[in-house]
């Protein structure tokens, strides 16, 4: 059983990366007659995030493409067995999942072992989902170009995210950076 393809899409906040990822998933599903799945890591912590989540849900519903949505703000590995080789899966987004996981328990993020296990667990979950689908699209925010200052939590988050990005891009068949709504292919054969 061959593993599915992996596409990594990153970009800044409001860069258009999620829209590009949704279009990419839709085109792949149409070409392959695949079923579309959306793994949402977002949690509604405030009214703005609640509105963003609702807008994304409404957009998917209005598309008429029959998205199946999985609300998974943490423990991504729990759903890896729910997919098959016809599925096109869009996971949005890695930065939100990492944030949720870091704050699951009060001060665990300070422990080096927890940080290493967290990074490893996320990579294993992505690998397992990839094994069970036709294509997995992973979306992430490009936040590593911002100044980090001297905040231990921000430094820890940045290190884990940077490691995850490097490992996922290494595993990926294609990688894109979206700037101002324009996807720039960084890895893989031009589409």
Protein backbone atom coordinates (compact mmCIF):
# COMPACT_ATOMS: atom_id res chain seq x y z
CA UNK A 1 0.00 0.00 0.00
CA UNK A 2 1.68 3.22 -1.19
CA UNK A 3 1.50 6.36 0.85
CA UNK A 4 -0.32 9.37 -0.49
CA UNK A 5 1.28 12.54 -1.69
CA UNK A 6 2.05 15.36 0.71
CA UNK A 7 1.71 19.05 -0.15
CA UNK A 8 2.94 21.71 2.29
CA UNK A 9 1.57 25.25 1.99
CA UNK A 10 2.78 28.12 4.17
CA UNK A 11 2.40 31.86 4.18
CA UNK A 12 1.83 34.83 6.40
CA UNK A 13 -1.41 35.71 8.13
CA UNK A 14 -4.14 36.47 5.56
CA UNK A 15 -1.75 35.66 2.70
CA UNK A 16 -4.31 33.51 0.85
CA UNK A 17 -2.72 30.18 1.80
CA UNK A 18 -5.97 28.58 3.01
CA UNK A 19 -7.85 29.63 -0.14
CA UNK A 20 -5.04 28.25 -2.29
CA UNK A 21 -5.06 25.01 -0.27
CA UNK A 22 -8.84 24.64 -0.68
CA UNK A 23 -8.61 25.25 -4.44
CA UNK A 24 -5.75 22.74 -4.72
CA UNK A 25 -7.73 20.12 -2.79
CA UNK A 26 -10.85 20.73 -4.89
CA UNK A 27 -8.95 20.37 -8.18
CA UNK A 28 -7.33 17.13 -6.97
CA UNK A 29 -10.69 15.74 -5.85
CA UNK A 30 -12.27 16.54 -9.21
CA UNK A 31 -9.38 14.94 -11.14
CA UNK A 32 -9.38 11.77 -9.03
CA UNK A 33 -13.04 11.58 -7.96
CA UNK A 34 -11.71 11.73 -4.43
CA UNK A 35 -13.62 12.66 -1.32
CA UNK A 36 -12.70 15.95 0.37
CA UNK A 37 -11.88 16.11 4.08
CA UNK A 38 -11.01 19.18 6.10
CA UNK A 39 -9.17 18.78 9.42
CA UNK A 40 -9.68 22.00 11.36
CA UNK A 41 -7.31 22.72 14.24
CA UNK A 42 -8.91 26.05 15.17
CA UNK A 43 -10.63 26.67 18.49
CA UNK A 44 -12.98 29.58 19.08
CA UNK A 45 -11.20 31.37 21.94
CA UNK A 46 -12.75 34.75 21.17
CA UNK A 47 -15.47 36.28 18.94
CA UNK A 48 -13.00 37.06 16.12
CA UNK A 49 -11.81 33.44 15.93
CA UNK A 50 -15.41 32.21 16.19
CA UNK A 51 -16.34 34.39 13.21
CA UNK A 52 -13.32 33.17 11.19
CA UNK A 53 -14.19 29.53 11.87
CA UNK A 54 -17.82 30.14 10.91
CA UNK A 55 -16.78 31.92 7.69
CA UNK A 56 -14.53 28.99 6.71
CA UNK A 57 -17.32 26.50 7.44
CA UNK A 58 -19.84 28.55 5.44
CA UNK A 59 -17.41 28.84 2.51
CA UNK A 60 -16.92 25.07 2.43
CA UNK A 61 -20.67 24.45 2.66
CA UNK A 62 -21.40 26.94 -0.13
CA UNK A 63 -18.76 25.37 -2.39
CA UNK A 64 -21.02 22.38 -3.03
CA UNK A 65 -17.98 20.08 -2.92
CA UNK A 66 -19.19 17.92 -0.04
CA UNK A 67 -16.39 18.55 2.45
CA UNK A 68 -16.34 16.35 5.53
CA UNK A 69 -15.01 18.42 8.43
CA UNK A 70 -13.07 17.02 11.35
CA UNK A 71 -12.71 19.43 14.29
CA UNK A 72 -9.35 18.40 15.76
CA UNK A 73 -7.64 21.14 17.80
CA UNK A 74 -5.23 18.60 19.35
CA UNK A 75 -4.37 14.87 19.33
CA UNK A 76 -4.31 14.70 15.53
CA UNK A 77 -3.24 11.05 15.66
CA UNK A 78 -6.70 10.03 16.93
CA UNK A 79 -8.30 10.36 13.50
CA UNK A 80 -5.57 8.91 11.27
CA UNK A 81 -7.47 5.63 10.72
CA UNK A 82 -10.61 7.32 9.37
CA UNK A 83 -9.41 7.87 5.82
CA UNK A 84 -8.89 5.83 2.66
CA UNK A 85 -6.86 6.06 -0.53
CA UNK A 86 -9.49 8.09 -2.38
CA UNK A 87 -9.44 10.88 0.20
CA UNK A 88 -8.00 14.34 -0.34
CA UNK A 89 -7.32 15.80 3.10
CA UNK A 90 -6.65 19.44 3.91
CA UNK A 91 -5.23 20.05 7.40
CA UNK A 92 -5.46 23.70 8.46
CA UNK A 93 -3.32 24.53 10.29
CA UNK A 94 -0.09 23.28 11.82
CA UNK A 95 0.65 26.48 13.75
CA UNK A 96 -2.75 26.36 15.46
CA UNK A 97 -2.34 22.68 16.34
CA UNK A 98 1.09 23.37 17.83
CA UNK A 99 -0.29 26.26 19.85
CA UNK A 100 -3.17 24.12 21.16
CA UNK A 101 -0.84 21.28 22.07
CA UNK A 102 1.63 23.55 23.88
CA UNK A 103 -1.15 24.85 26.12
CA UNK A 104 -2.93 21.56 26.84
CA UNK A 105 -1.18 21.41 30.19
CA UNK A 106 -0.04 24.41 32.18
CA UNK A 107 3.78 24.42 32.13
CA UNK A 108 4.63 21.21 30.26
CA UNK A 109 5.93 23.23 27.31
CA UNK A 110 8.98 24.15 29.41
CA UNK A 111 10.20 20.53 29.54
CA UNK A 112 12.61 19.56 26.76
CA UNK A 113 11.28 15.99 26.63
CA UNK A 114 7.73 17.26 26.16
CA UNK A 115 8.87 19.54 23.33
CA UNK A 116 10.66 16.68 21.55
CA UNK A 117 7.75 14.28 22.04
CA UNK A 118 5.28 16.88 20.82
CA UNK A 119 7.20 17.48 17.60
CA UNK A 120 7.62 13.74 17.06
CA UNK A 121 3.93 13.02 17.79
CA UNK A 122 2.78 15.62 15.27
CA UNK A 123 5.10 14.23 12.59
CA UNK A 124 3.92 10.67 13.29
CA UNK A 125 0.27 11.77 13.03
CA UNK A 126 0.93 13.50 9.70
CA UNK A 127 2.78 10.41 8.43
CA UNK A 128 -0.06 8.10 9.50
CA UNK A 129 -2.72 10.26 7.85
CA UNK A 130 -0.61 10.42 4.70
CA UNK A 131 -0.42 6.62 4.61
CA UNK A 132 -4.21 6.43 4.59
CA UNK A 133 -5.11 8.94 1.88
CA UNK A 134 -4.47 9.92 -1.71
CA UNK A 135 -3.21 13.41 -0.84
CA UNK A 136 -2.61 15.29 2.39
CA UNK A 137 -2.29 19.07 2.23
CA UNK A 138 -0.76 20.65 5.34
CA UNK A 139 -1.21 24.40 5.84
CA UNK A 140 0.98 26.41 8.22
CA UNK A 141 1.65 30.04 9.04
CA UNK A 142 5.02 31.50 8.20
CA UNK A 143 5.80 33.21 11.50
CA UNK A 144 9.52 32.55 11.69
CA UNK A 145 10.52 35.78 9.95
CA UNK A 146 9.27 37.90 12.84
CA UNK A 147 11.55 39.07 15.66
CA UNK A 148 11.51 36.57 18.51
CA UNK A 149 12.76 38.82 21.32
CA UNK A 150 13.67 37.15 24.62
CA UNK A 151 10.45 35.37 25.49
CA UNK A 152 11.07 31.73 26.41
CA UNK A 153 7.67 30.56 25.16
CA UNK A 154 8.03 32.34 21.81
CA UNK A 155 11.55 30.95 21.37
CA UNK A 156 10.33 27.42 22.20
CA UNK A 157 7.36 27.74 19.83
CA UNK A 158 9.57 29.05 17.03
CA UNK A 159 12.11 26.25 17.43
CA UNK A 160 9.45 23.52 17.39
CA UNK A 161 7.63 25.09 14.44
CA UNK A 162 10.86 25.56 12.48
CA UNK A 163 11.77 21.92 13.05
CA UNK A 164 8.29 20.78 12.01
CA UNK A 165 8.41 22.91 8.85
CA UNK A 166 11.83 21.52 7.87
CA UNK A 167 10.76 17.91 8.48
CA UNK A 168 7.43 18.25 6.68
CA UNK A 169 9.00 19.99 3.67
CA UNK A 170 11.61 17.24 3.57
CA UNK A 171 8.81 14.63 3.45
CA UNK A 172 6.64 16.65 1.03
CA UNK A 173 6.25 16.05 -2.68
CA UNK A 174 5.41 19.72 -3.20
CA UNK A 175 5.88 22.86 -1.08
CA UNK A 176 4.46 26.34 -1.64
CA UNK A 177 4.90 29.73 -0.04
CA UNK A 178 1.90 32.02 -0.57
CA UNK A 179 2.62 35.76 -0.62
CA UNK A 180 -0.17 38.30 -1.21
CA UNK A 181 -2.37 35.59 -2.70
CA UNK A 182 0.30 34.32 -5.08
CA UNK A 183 1.52 30.75 -4.56
CA UNK A 184 5.24 30.30 -5.16
CA UNK A 185 6.27 26.69 -5.68
CA UNK A 186 9.36 25.95 -3.60
CA UNK A 187 9.60 22.18 -4.08
CA UNK A 188 8.30 19.63 -6.55
CA UNK A 189 7.48 19.58 -10.22
CA UNK A 190 5.56 22.59 -11.55
CA UNK A 191 1.85 21.82 -11.74
